[in-house]
C-alpha atoms as a PDB file:
ATOM      1  CA  MET A   1      -0.228  -0.067   0.164  1.00  0.00           C
ATOM      2  CA  ARG A   2       2.906   2.262   0.853  1.00  0.00           C
ATOM      3  CA  ILE A   3       4.235   2.062  -2.583  1.00  0.00           C
ATOM      4  CA  ILE A   4       1.020   2.561  -4.359  1.00  0.00           C
ATOM      5  CA  ALA A   5       0.468   5.562  -2.355  1.00  0.00           C
ATOM      6  CA  ARG A   6       3.956   6.984  -2.914  1.00  0.00           C
ATOM      7  CA  LEU A   7       3.777   6.307  -6.597  1.00  0.00           C
ATOM      8  CA  LEU A   8       0.303   8.093  -6.873  1.00  0.00           C
ATOM      9  CA  ALA A   9       1.856  11.307  -4.983  1.00  0.00           C
ATOM     10  CA  ALA A  10       4.737  11.326  -7.439  1.00  0.00           C
ATOM     11  CA  THR A  11       1.992  11.668 -10.484  1.00  0.00           C
ATOM     12  CA  LEU A  12      -0.068  14.486  -8.712  1.00  0.00           C
ATOM     13  CA  VAL A  13       2.933  16.687  -7.819  1.00  0.00           C
ATOM     14  CA  ALA A  14       4.803  16.228 -11.116  1.00  0.00           C
ATOM     15  CA  PRO A  15       5.181  19.384 -12.632  1.00  0.00           C
ATOM     16  CA  LEU A  16       2.409  20.254 -15.543  1.00  0.00           C
ATOM     17  CA  LEU A  17       3.874  21.935 -18.477  1.00  0.00           C
ATOM     18  CA  LEU A  18       1.741  24.566 -20.724  1.00  0.00           C
ATOM     19  CA  THR A  19       2.716  23.639 -24.747  1.00  0.00           C
ATOM     20  CA  ALA A  20       1.555  25.875 -27.563  1.00  0.00           C
ATOM     21  CA  ILE A  21      -0.198  24.824 -30.559  1.00  0.00           C
ATOM     22  CA  PRO A  22       0.596  26.700 -33.787  1.00  0.00           C
ATOM     23  CA  ASP A  23      -3.263  27.832 -34.251  1.00  0.00           C
ATOM     24  CA  GLY A  24      -2.872  29.531 -30.888  1.00  0.00           C
ATOM     25  CA  GLY A  25      -4.872  26.515 -28.752  1.00  0.00           C
ATOM     26  CA  HIS A  26      -2.587  24.679 -25.637  1.00  0.00           C
ATOM     27  CA  TYR A  27      -2.821  21.765 -24.100  1.00  0.00           C
ATOM     28  CA  TRP A  28      -1.416  20.170 -20.949  1.00  0.00           C
ATOM     29  CA  THR A  29       1.439  17.962 -20.741  1.00  0.00           C
ATOM     30  CA  ALA A  30       3.413  16.636 -17.813  1.00  0.00           C
ATOM     31  CA  ASN A  31       7.021  16.579 -17.215  1.00  0.00           C
ATOM     32  CA  ALA A  32      10.101  16.055 -19.727  1.00  0.00           C
ATOM     33  CA  GLU A  33       9.877  12.254 -18.664  1.00  0.00           C
ATOM     34  CA  GLY A  34       6.693  11.923 -20.709  1.00  0.00           C
ATOM     35  CA  ALA A  35       4.171  10.643 -17.985  1.00  0.00           C
ATOM     36  CA  GLY A  36       1.327  12.665 -19.889  1.00  0.00           C
ATOM     37  CA  LEU A  37      -2.179  13.547 -18.375  1.00  0.00           C
ATOM     38  CA  ASN A  38      -3.487  14.309 -22.143  1.00  0.00           C
ATOM     39  CA  GLY A  39      -0.975  15.493 -23.903  1.00  0.00           C
ATOM     40  CA  THR A  40      -0.315  12.639 -25.944  1.00  0.00           C
ATOM     41  CA  LYS A  41      -3.930  12.387 -26.976  1.00  0.00           C
ATOM     42  CA  ASN A  42      -4.186  16.052 -27.755  1.00  0.00           C
ATOM     43  CA  ALA A  43      -1.082  15.948 -29.559  1.00  0.00           C
ATOM     44  CA  ALA A  44      -2.103  13.237 -31.758  1.00  0.00           C
ATOM     45  CA  LEU A  45      -5.507  14.841 -32.354  1.00  0.00           C
ATOM     46  CA  TYR A  46      -3.794  18.228 -33.330  1.00  0.00           C
ATOM     47  CA  ALA A  47      -1.647  16.428 -35.811  1.00  0.00           C
ATOM     48  CA  GLU A  48      -4.680  14.483 -37.545  1.00  0.00           C
ATOM     49  CA  LYS A  49      -6.546  18.172 -37.818  1.00  0.00           C
ATOM     50  CA  SER A  50      -3.347  19.860 -39.338  1.00  0.00           C
ATOM     51  CA  THR A  51      -2.819  17.024 -41.500  1.00  0.00           C
ATOM     52  CA  ALA A  52      -5.942  17.332 -42.900  1.00  0.00           C
ATOM     53  CA  LEU A  53      -6.127  21.121 -43.249  1.00  0.00           C
ATOM     54  CA  HIS A  54      -3.088  20.968 -45.450  1.00  0.00           C
ATOM     55  CA  ALA A  55      -4.544  18.414 -47.686  1.00  0.00           C
ATOM     56  CA  GLU A  56      -7.687  20.718 -48.160  1.00  0.00           C
ATOM     57  CA  GLN A  57      -5.450  23.625 -48.807  1.00  0.00           C
ATOM     58  CA  ASN A  58      -3.572  22.082 -51.088  1.00  0.00           C
ATOM     59  CA  ALA A  59      -6.433  20.449 -53.041  1.00  0.00           C
ATOM     60  CA  LYS A  60      -7.868  24.180 -53.713  1.00  0.00           C
ATOM     61  CA  PRO A  61      -7.165  25.050 -57.276  1.00  0.00           C
ATOM     62  CA  PRO A  62      -5.111  27.835 -57.951  1.00  0.00           C
ATOM     63  CA  VAL A  63      -6.530  31.351 -59.200  1.00  0.00           C
ATOM     64  CA  LEU A  64      -5.969  31.937 -62.475  1.00  0.00           C
ATOM     65  CA  SER A  65      -5.884  35.025 -64.664  1.00  0.00           C
ATOM     66  CA  ARG A  66      -8.267  34.978 -67.484  1.00  0.00           C
ATOM     67  CA  VAL A  67      -6.990  36.094 -70.843  1.00  0.00           C
ATOM     68  CA  ALA A  68      -9.663  36.911 -73.533  1.00  0.00           C
ATOM     69  CA  ILE A  69      -8.195  36.407 -77.195  1.00  0.00           C
ATOM     70  CA  VAL A  70     -10.101  38.477 -79.849  1.00  0.00           C
ATOM     71  CA  ILE A  71      -9.372  37.920 -83.604  1.00  0.00           C
ATOM     72  CA  ASP A  72     -10.008  40.682 -85.767  1.00  0.00           C
ATOM     73  CA  ASP A  73     -10.685  40.702 -89.343  1.00  0.00           C
ATOM     74  CA  PHE A  74     -12.777  37.602 -89.829  1.00  0.00           C
ATOM     75  CA  GLY A  75     -15.445  37.746 -93.012  1.00  0.00           C
ATOM     76  CA  ASN A  76     -13.183  37.982 -96.181  1.00  0.00           C
ATOM     77  CA  LYS A  77     -11.188  34.443 -96.476  1.00  0.00           C
ATOM     78  CA  MET A  78      -8.239  35.775 -94.718  1.00  0.00           C
ATOM     79  CA  LYS A  79      -4.948  33.450 -94.170  1.00  0.00           C
ATOM     80  CA  GLY A  80      -5.225  31.820 -91.064  1.00  0.00           C
ATOM     81  CA  THR A  81      -9.079  31.921 -90.567  1.00  0.00           C
ATOM     82  CA  GLU A  82      -9.193  27.921 -90.102  1.00  0.00           C
ATOM     83  CA  GLU A  83      -5.836  27.790 -87.960  1.00  0.00           C
ATOM     84  CA  MET A  84      -7.979  30.301 -85.586  1.00  0.00           C
ATOM     85  CA  PHE A  85     -10.867  28.067 -85.727  1.00  0.00           C
ATOM     86  CA  ARG A  86      -8.962  25.013 -84.598  1.00  0.00           C
ATOM     87  CA  LEU A  87      -7.169  26.464 -81.708  1.00  0.00           C
ATOM     88  CA  PRO A  88      -7.374  24.541 -78.528  1.00  0.00           C
ATOM     89  CA  VAL A  89      -8.732  27.635 -76.451  1.00  0.00           C
ATOM     90  CA  PRO A  90     -11.513  29.737 -77.001  1.00  0.00           C
ATOM     91  CA  ILE A  91     -11.558  32.888 -79.100  1.00  0.00           C
ATOM     92  CA  THR A  92     -13.822  35.656 -79.762  1.00  0.00           C
ATOM     93  CA  ALA A  93     -14.507  36.191 -83.379  1.00  0.00           C
ATOM     94  CA  ALA A  94     -14.614  39.841 -84.554  1.00  0.00           C
ATOM     95  CA  ILE A  95     -16.267  39.830 -87.892  1.00  0.00           C
ATOM     96  CA  MET A  96     -16.386  42.438 -90.333  1.00  0.00           C
ATOM     97  CA  PRO A  97     -19.860  42.927 -92.090  1.00  0.00           C
ATOM     98  CA  PHE A  98     -20.765  42.860 -95.578  1.00  0.00           C
ATOM     99  CA  LEU A  99     -18.095  40.782 -96.943  1.00  0.00           C
ATOM    100  CA  VAL A 100     -17.743  37.085 -98.739  1.00  0.00           C
ATOM    101  CA  THR A 101     -17.739  34.908 -95.697  1.00  0.00           C
ATOM    102  CA  THR A 102     -19.185  37.234 -93.112  1.00  0.00           C
ATOM    103  CA  ARG A 103     -22.255  35.130 -92.589  1.00  0.00           C
ATOM    104  CA  GLU A 104     -20.242  31.500 -92.886  1.00  0.00           C
ATOM    105  CA  ASP A 105     -17.616  32.471 -90.368  1.00  0.00           C
ATOM    106  CA  ALA A 106     -20.234  33.819 -87.903  1.00  0.00           C
ATOM    107  CA  GLU A 107     -22.265  30.403 -87.980  1.00  0.00           C
ATOM    108  CA  LYS A 108     -18.862  28.671 -88.013  1.00  0.00           C
ATOM    109  CA  ALA A 109     -17.785  30.415 -84.532  1.00  0.00           C
ATOM    110  CA  HIS A 110     -21.153  30.096 -83.285  1.00  0.00           C
ATOM    111  CA  SER A 111     -21.221  26.429 -83.764  1.00  0.00           C
ATOM    112  CA  LEU A 112     -17.952  25.858 -81.928  1.00  0.00           C
ATOM    113  CA  GLY A 113     -19.278  27.943 -78.992  1.00  0.00           C
ATOM    114  CA  LEU A 114     -17.210  31.221 -79.519  1.00  0.00           C
ATOM    115  CA  ASP A 115     -18.531  34.505 -79.082  1.00  0.00           C
ATOM    116  CA  VAL A 116     -19.326  36.407 -82.142  1.00  0.00           C
ATOM    117  CA  ILE A 117     -18.920  40.160 -82.048  1.00  0.00           C
ATOM    118  CA  VAL A 118     -19.248  42.716 -85.051  1.00  0.00           C
ATOM    119  CA  HIS A 119     -16.075  44.290 -86.045  1.00  0.00           C
ATOM    120  CA  MET A 120     -17.648  47.801 -87.099  1.00  0.00           C
ATOM    121  CA  PRO A 121     -15.542  49.769 -89.794  1.00  0.00           C
ATOM    122  CA  MET A 122     -14.863  53.267 -88.452  1.00  0.00           C
ATOM    123  CA  GLU A 123     -12.525  55.755 -89.994  1.00  0.00           C
ATOM    124  CA  PRO A 124      -9.069  56.595 -88.488  1.00  0.00           C
ATOM    125  CA  ASN A 125      -6.912  59.558 -88.355  1.00  0.00           C
ATOM    126  CA  GLN A 126      -4.630  57.991 -90.812  1.00  0.00           C
ATOM    127  CA  GLY A 127      -4.517  54.933 -93.285  1.00  0.00           C
ATOM    128  CA  ARG A 128      -6.210  54.079 -96.466  1.00  0.00           C
ATOM    129  CA  ARG A 129      -9.843  54.075 -96.994  1.00  0.00           C
ATOM    130  CA  SER A 130      -9.901  51.139 -98.924  1.00  0.00           C
ATOM    131  CA  TRP A 131      -8.657  49.246 -95.617  1.00  0.00           C
ATOM    132  CA  LEU A 132     -12.000  49.930 -94.016  1.00  0.00           C
ATOM    133  CA  GLY A 133     -14.042  47.775 -95.962  1.00  0.00           C
ATOM    134  CA  PRO A 134     -17.949  48.324 -96.952  1.00  0.00           C
ATOM    135  CA  GLY A 135     -20.152  49.893 -94.511  1.00  0.00           C
ATOM    136  CA  ALA A 136     -17.712  52.023 -92.414  1.00  0.00           C
ATOM    137  CA  LEU A 137     -18.561  54.945 -90.085  1.00  0.00           C
ATOM    138  CA  VAL A 138     -17.126  58.335 -91.273  1.00  0.00           C
ATOM    139  CA  SER A 139     -17.314  61.706 -89.189  1.00  0.00           C
ATOM    140  CA  THR A 140     -19.436  63.374 -91.992  1.00  0.00           C
ATOM    141  CA  MET A 141     -22.147  61.165 -91.450  1.00  0.00           C
ATOM    142  CA  THR A 142     -25.276  62.910 -89.663  1.00  0.00           C
ATOM    143  CA  ASP A 143     -26.922  60.863 -86.594  1.00  0.00           C
ATOM    144  CA  ALA A 144     -29.535  58.873 -88.583  1.00  0.00           C
ATOM    145  CA  GLU A 145     -26.752  57.913 -91.132  1.00  0.00           C
ATOM    146  CA  VAL A 146     -24.437  56.212 -88.100  1.00  0.00           C
ATOM    147  CA  ARG A 147     -27.529  54.850 -86.919  1.00  0.00           C
ATOM    148  CA  GLU A 148     -28.332  53.072 -89.989  1.00  0.00           C
ATOM    149  CA  ALA A 149     -25.137  51.916 -90.894  1.00  0.00           C
ATOM    150  CA  VAL A 150     -24.559  50.186 -87.354  1.00  0.00           C
ATOM    151  CA  GLU A 151     -28.071  48.818 -87.612  1.00  0.00           C
ATOM    152  CA  LYS A 152     -27.185  47.142 -90.841  1.00  0.00           C
ATOM    153  CA  ALA A 153     -23.772  45.991 -89.904  1.00  0.00           C
ATOM    154  CA  ILE A 154     -25.251  44.046 -86.813  1.00  0.00           C
ATOM    155  CA  ASP A 155     -27.842  42.458 -89.209  1.00  0.00           C
ATOM    156  CA  SER A 156     -25.575  41.318 -91.476  1.00  0.00           C
ATOM    157  CA  VAL A 157     -23.452  39.279 -88.531  1.00  0.00           C
ATOM    158  CA  PRO A 158     -25.407  36.282 -87.480  1.00  0.00           C
ATOM    159  CA  HIS A 159     -25.272  35.238 -83.502  1.00  0.00           C
ATOM    160  CA  ALA A 160     -23.548  39.008 -82.553  1.00  0.00           C
ATOM    161  CA  THR A 161     -23.352  39.648 -78.860  1.00  0.00           C
ATOM    162  CA  GLY A 162     -21.017  42.550 -78.931  1.00  0.00           C
ATOM    163  CA  MET A 163     -19.231  44.964 -81.171  1.00  0.00           C
ATOM    164  CA  ASN A 164     -15.488  46.309 -81.423  1.00  0.00           C
ATOM    165  CA  ASN A 165     -14.200  48.814 -83.709  1.00  0.00           C
ATOM    166  CA  HIS A 166     -11.811  48.281 -86.786  1.00  0.00           C
ATOM    167  CA  MET A 167      -9.387  50.981 -86.926  1.00  0.00           C
ATOM    168  CA  GLY A 168     -11.426  54.371 -85.826  1.00  0.00           C
ATOM    169  CA  SER A 169      -8.865  56.335 -84.238  1.00  0.00           C
ATOM    170  CA  LYS A 170     -10.942  59.371 -85.467  1.00  0.00           C
ATOM    171  CA  ILE A 171     -14.518  57.875 -84.600  1.00  0.00           C
ATOM    172  CA  THR A 172     -13.894  56.696 -81.162  1.00  0.00           C
ATOM    173  CA  ALA A 173     -12.519  60.152 -80.384  1.00  0.00           C
ATOM    174  CA  ASP A 174     -15.752  61.797 -81.578  1.00  0.00           C
ATOM    175  CA  GLU A 175     -18.497  61.806 -78.690  1.00  0.00           C
ATOM    176  CA  ARG A 176     -21.294  62.554 -81.040  1.00  0.00           C
ATOM    177  CA  ILE A 177     -21.000  59.566 -83.197  1.00  0.00           C
ATOM    178  CA  MET A 178     -20.090  57.104 -80.625  1.00  0.00           C
ATOM    179  CA  ARG A 179     -23.187  58.361 -78.711  1.00  0.00           C
ATOM    180  CA  VAL A 180     -25.087  56.873 -81.391  1.00  0.00           C
ATOM    181  CA  VAL A 181     -23.417  53.684 -81.883  1.00  0.00           C
ATOM    182  CA  LEU A 182     -23.529  52.857 -78.199  1.00  0.00           C
ATOM    183  CA  THR A 183     -27.009  53.777 -77.940  1.00  0.00           C
ATOM    184  CA  VAL A 184     -27.570  51.414 -80.823  1.00  0.00           C
ATOM    185  CA  CYS A 185     -25.507  48.529 -78.929  1.00  0.00           C
ATOM    186  CA  LYS A 186     -27.839  49.058 -75.652  1.00  0.00           C
ATOM    187  CA  GLU A 187     -30.842  49.004 -77.752  1.00  0.00           C
ATOM    188  CA  ARG A 188     -29.748  45.668 -79.403  1.00  0.00           C
ATOM    189  CA  GLY A 189     -28.428  43.925 -76.331  1.00  0.00           C
ATOM    190  CA  LEU A 190     -24.684  44.298 -77.479  1.00  0.00           C
ATOM    191  CA  PHE A 191     -21.635  44.993 -75.153  1.00  0.00           C
ATOM    192  CA  PHE A 192     -18.697  47.371 -76.644  1.00  0.00           C
ATOM    193  CA  LEU A 193     -15.256  46.356 -76.828  1.00  0.00           C
ATOM    194  CA  ASP A 194     -12.761  48.936 -77.289  1.00  0.00           C
ATOM    195  CA  SER A 195      -9.596  48.218 -79.207  1.00  0.00           C
ATOM    196  CA  ARG A 196      -8.125  51.381 -77.954  1.00  0.00           C
ATOM    197  CA  THR A 197      -6.760  52.435 -81.162  1.00  0.00           C
ATOM    198  CA  THR A 198      -6.153  55.745 -79.813  1.00  0.00           C
ATOM    199  CA  TYR A 199      -5.359  57.313 -76.247  1.00  0.00           C
ATOM    200  CA  LYS A 200      -8.198  59.948 -76.904  1.00  0.00           C
ATOM    201  CA  THR A 201     -11.174  57.559 -76.959  1.00  0.00           C
ATOM    202  CA  VAL A 202     -14.345  58.836 -75.303  1.00  0.00           C
ATOM    203  CA  VAL A 203     -15.649  55.659 -75.383  1.00  0.00           C
ATOM    204  CA  PRO A 204     -15.645  54.952 -71.823  1.00  0.00           C
ATOM    205  CA  LYS A 205     -17.006  58.041 -70.740  1.00  0.00           C
ATOM    206  CA  VAL A 206     -19.980  57.493 -73.206  1.00  0.00           C
ATOM    207  CA  ALA A 207     -20.707  53.914 -72.333  1.00  0.00           C
ATOM    208  CA  ALA A 208     -20.692  54.763 -68.710  1.00  0.00           C
ATOM    209  CA  GLN A 209     -23.470  57.564 -69.419  1.00  0.00           C
ATOM    210  CA  ILE A 210     -25.667  55.360 -71.646  1.00  0.00           C
ATOM    211  CA  GLY A 211     -25.112  52.077 -69.728  1.00  0.00           C
ATOM    212  CA  VAL A 212     -23.255  49.860 -72.104  1.00  0.00           C
ATOM    213  CA  PRO A 213     -21.334  46.964 -71.030  1.00  0.00           C
ATOM    214  CA  LEU A 214     -17.826  47.826 -71.905  1.00  0.00           C
ATOM    215  CA  LEU A 215     -14.459  45.861 -72.223  1.00  0.00           C
ATOM    216  CA  HIS A 216     -10.990  47.264 -73.562  1.00  0.00           C
ATOM    217  CA  ASN A 217      -8.046  45.846 -75.425  1.00  0.00           C
ATOM    218  CA  ASP A 218      -4.763  45.543 -73.010  1.00  0.00           C
ATOM    219  CA  VAL A 219      -2.381  44.256 -76.206  1.00  0.00           C
ATOM    220  CA  PHE A 220      -2.206  44.067 -79.534  1.00  0.00           C
ATOM    221  CA  LEU A 221      -0.380  40.897 -80.456  1.00  0.00           C
ATOM    222  CA  ASP A 222       0.639  41.159 -84.148  1.00  0.00           C
ATOM    223  CA  ASP A 223       0.525  44.963 -84.841  1.00  0.00           C
ATOM    224  CA  VAL A 224       4.071  44.365 -86.421  1.00  0.00           C
ATOM    225  CA  ASP A 225       3.942  41.254 -88.611  1.00  0.00           C
ATOM    226  CA  SER A 226       6.937  39.129 -87.337  1.00  0.00           C
ATOM    227  CA  ALA A 227       7.042  36.176 -85.119  1.00  0.00           C
ATOM    228  CA  SER A 228       9.415  38.010 -82.854  1.00  0.00           C
ATOM    229  CA  HIS A 229       7.209  40.769 -82.393  1.00  0.00           C
ATOM    230  CA  ILE A 230       4.275  38.435 -81.530  1.00  0.00           C
ATOM    231  CA  SER A 231       6.153  36.554 -79.014  1.00  0.00           C
ATOM    232  CA  ARG A 232       7.314  39.620 -77.178  1.00  0.00           C
ATOM    233  CA  GLN A 233       3.900  40.766 -77.048  1.00  0.00           C
ATOM    234  CA  LEU A 234       2.615  37.412 -75.603  1.00  0.00           C
ATOM    235  CA  ALA A 235       5.602  38.073 -72.865  1.00  0.00           C
ATOM    236  CA  VAL A 236       3.948  41.674 -72.179  1.00  0.00           C
ATOM    237  CA  LEU A 237       0.377  39.855 -71.918  1.00  0.00           C
ATOM    238  CA  LYS A 238       1.999  37.318 -69.469  1.00  0.00           C
ATOM    239  CA  LYS A 239       3.393  40.155 -67.297  1.00  0.00           C
ATOM    240  CA  LEU A 240       0.390  41.915 -67.597  1.00  0.00           C
ATOM    241  CA  THR A 241      -1.835  38.908 -65.957  1.00  0.00           C
ATOM    242  CA  THR A 242       0.445  39.246 -63.133  1.00  0.00           C
ATOM    243  CA  GLU A 243      -0.157  42.669 -62.426  1.00  0.00           C
ATOM    244  CA  GLN A 244      -3.652  43.346 -63.014  1.00  0.00           C
ATOM    245  CA  GLY A 245      -5.323  39.854 -63.238  1.00  0.00           C
ATOM    246  CA  ASP A 246      -7.991  39.513 -66.231  1.00  0.00           C
ATOM    247  CA  CYS A 247      -6.574  40.917 -69.727  1.00  0.00           C
ATOM    248  CA  ILE A 248      -7.937  40.980 -73.370  1.00  0.00           C
ATOM    249  CA  THR A 249      -5.812  40.727 -76.241  1.00  0.00           C
ATOM    250  CA  ILE A 250      -6.354  41.241 -79.697  1.00  0.00           C
ATOM    251  CA  GLY A 251      -4.980  39.404 -82.803  1.00  0.00           C
ATOM    252  CA  HIS A 252      -5.550  39.226 -86.954  1.00  0.00           C
ATOM    253  CA  VAL A 253      -6.187  37.116 -89.492  1.00  0.00           C
ATOM    254  CA  GLY A 254      -4.863  37.921 -92.920  1.00  0.00           C
ATOM    255  CA  ALA A 255      -1.337  39.028 -93.212  1.00  0.00           C
ATOM    256  CA  SER A 256       0.108  37.910 -89.815  1.00  0.00           C
ATOM    257  CA  GLY A 257      -2.844  35.296 -89.471  1.00  0.00           C
ATOM    258  CA  LEU A 258      -0.751  31.983 -89.415  1.00  0.00           C
ATOM    259  CA  LEU A 259       2.332  33.499 -87.402  1.00  0.00           C
ATOM    260  CA  THR A 260      -0.572  34.609 -84.713  1.00  0.00           C
ATOM    261  CA  SER A 261      -2.247  31.539 -84.802  1.00  0.00           C
ATOM    262  CA  ALA A 262       0.936  29.015 -84.639  1.00  0.00           C
ATOM    263  CA  ALA A 263       1.935  31.625 -81.538  1.00  0.00           C
ATOM    264  CA  LEU A 264      -1.507  31.280 -80.143  1.00  0.00           C
ATOM    265  CA  ARG A 265      -1.323  27.369 -80.286  1.00  0.00           C
ATOM    266  CA  GLN A 266       2.119  27.128 -78.362  1.00  0.00           C
ATOM    267  CA  ALA A 267       1.105  30.025 -75.838  1.00  0.00           C
ATOM    268  CA  ALA A 268      -2.103  27.549 -74.815  1.00  0.00           C
ATOM    269  CA  SER A 269       0.096  24.810 -73.840  1.00  0.00           C
ATOM    270  CA  SER A 270       3.176  26.838 -72.196  1.00  0.00           C
ATOM    271  CA  MET A 271       1.444  30.023 -70.307  1.00  0.00           C
ATOM    272  CA  GLU A 272       1.000  28.984 -66.922  1.00  0.00           C
ATOM    273  CA  GLY A 273      -1.483  30.638 -64.552  1.00  0.00           C
ATOM    274  CA  ILE A 274      -3.618  31.590 -67.122  1.00  0.00           C
ATOM    275  CA  ARG A 275      -7.518  30.434 -68.421  1.00  0.00           C
ATOM    276  CA  PHE A 276      -8.393  31.451 -71.705  1.00  0.00           C
ATOM    277  CA  VAL A 277     -12.121  32.471 -72.221  1.00  0.00           C
ATOM    278  CA  ARG A 278     -14.638  34.229 -74.249  1.00  0.00           C
ATOM    279  CA  ALA A 279     -14.628  37.868 -74.121  1.00  0.00           C
ATOM    280  CA  SER A 280     -18.223  37.942 -72.676  1.00  0.00           C
ATOM    281  CA  GLU A 281     -17.018  35.906 -69.673  1.00  0.00           C
ATOM    282  CA  LEU A 282     -14.956  39.058 -68.405  1.00  0.00           C
ATOM    283  CA  LEU A 283     -18.092  41.204 -68.155  1.00  0.00           C
ATOM    284  CA  PRO A 284     -19.513  41.694 -64.833  1.00  0.00           C
ATOM    285  CA  ALA A 285     -22.111  39.456 -63.969  1.00  0.00           C
ATOM    286  CA  SER A 286     -24.933  42.113 -64.095  1.00  0.00           C
ATOM    287  CA  ALA A 287     -23.767  43.258 -67.766  1.00  0.00           C
ATOM    288  CA  GLU A 288     -23.513  39.696 -68.912  1.00  0.00           C
ATOM    289  CA  GLU A 289     -27.195  38.931 -67.637  1.00  0.00           C
ATOM    290  CA  LYS A 290     -28.350  42.064 -69.869  1.00  0.00           C
ATOM    291  CA  LEU A 291     -26.894  40.622 -73.038  1.00  0.00           C
ATOM    292  CA  VAL A 292     -29.710  39.648 -75.663  1.00  0.00           C
ATOM    293  CA  LEU A 293     -28.287  36.332 -76.568  1.00  0.00           C
ATOM    294  CA  PRO A 294     -28.921  34.990 -80.017  1.00  0.00           C
ATOM    295  CA  GLN A 295     -30.969  31.991 -80.711  1.00  0.00           C
ATOM    296  CA  SER A 296     -28.943  28.951 -82.048  1.00  0.00           C
END
């Protein structure tokens, strides 16, 4: 009995140590010899919870920047058209109105689940008038003429849910004309993508006043027709995604179409931390709900 009493006394008077757990909790343990009261049990429980927490954190997918690739100048059998449609990532097809394959390209893009937008020809400050194509907006037009031209252009491109400017450095700086353009877009349920061909653009101001869903271009990929330039612009795009998150980039079919499509195909598999999306997916949720989606 005396031996048992001594053992009990030794256990009861053993110094208890307060041990911290990394999440701010505590549990009591016995002295360094390890004669535990509940330390072993709590330590095992904490280790189990910690392992589960780390597994849950590691299972969460990383947050990816979204990039919308807009390809201009569809509608005229330009080089790179088929290659762009065969890319392994979504693109937004900006289709010029009134051309030989306008309707065909719009139908093809729609059948692939891609965004279709009207690539509206607009007068530039410089450049050949022949580059504009039919149905272009020019600064001498009346409001009624602008409205008629925009409505006809929209009607010529099936499945269009948006519009961007083809050239247009002069027109996108003209508040009177852009007010008419954006009013029609609102009436027809289209968003507008400002290609930003001029720093004098009034599109953000007017779109905000009218209430038109607005996106804007961040990087032109192929404003210079060379593989090295396109590669550099893709690097610029990648850097922008780390600085600002979501981005829009514009490329073209035509002279640079084959080079641009090849570069985009490579980028699709090599650019980490990016999810490629349609342009409409970058609209605020409230704006996207207001779009008038064409019937299939």
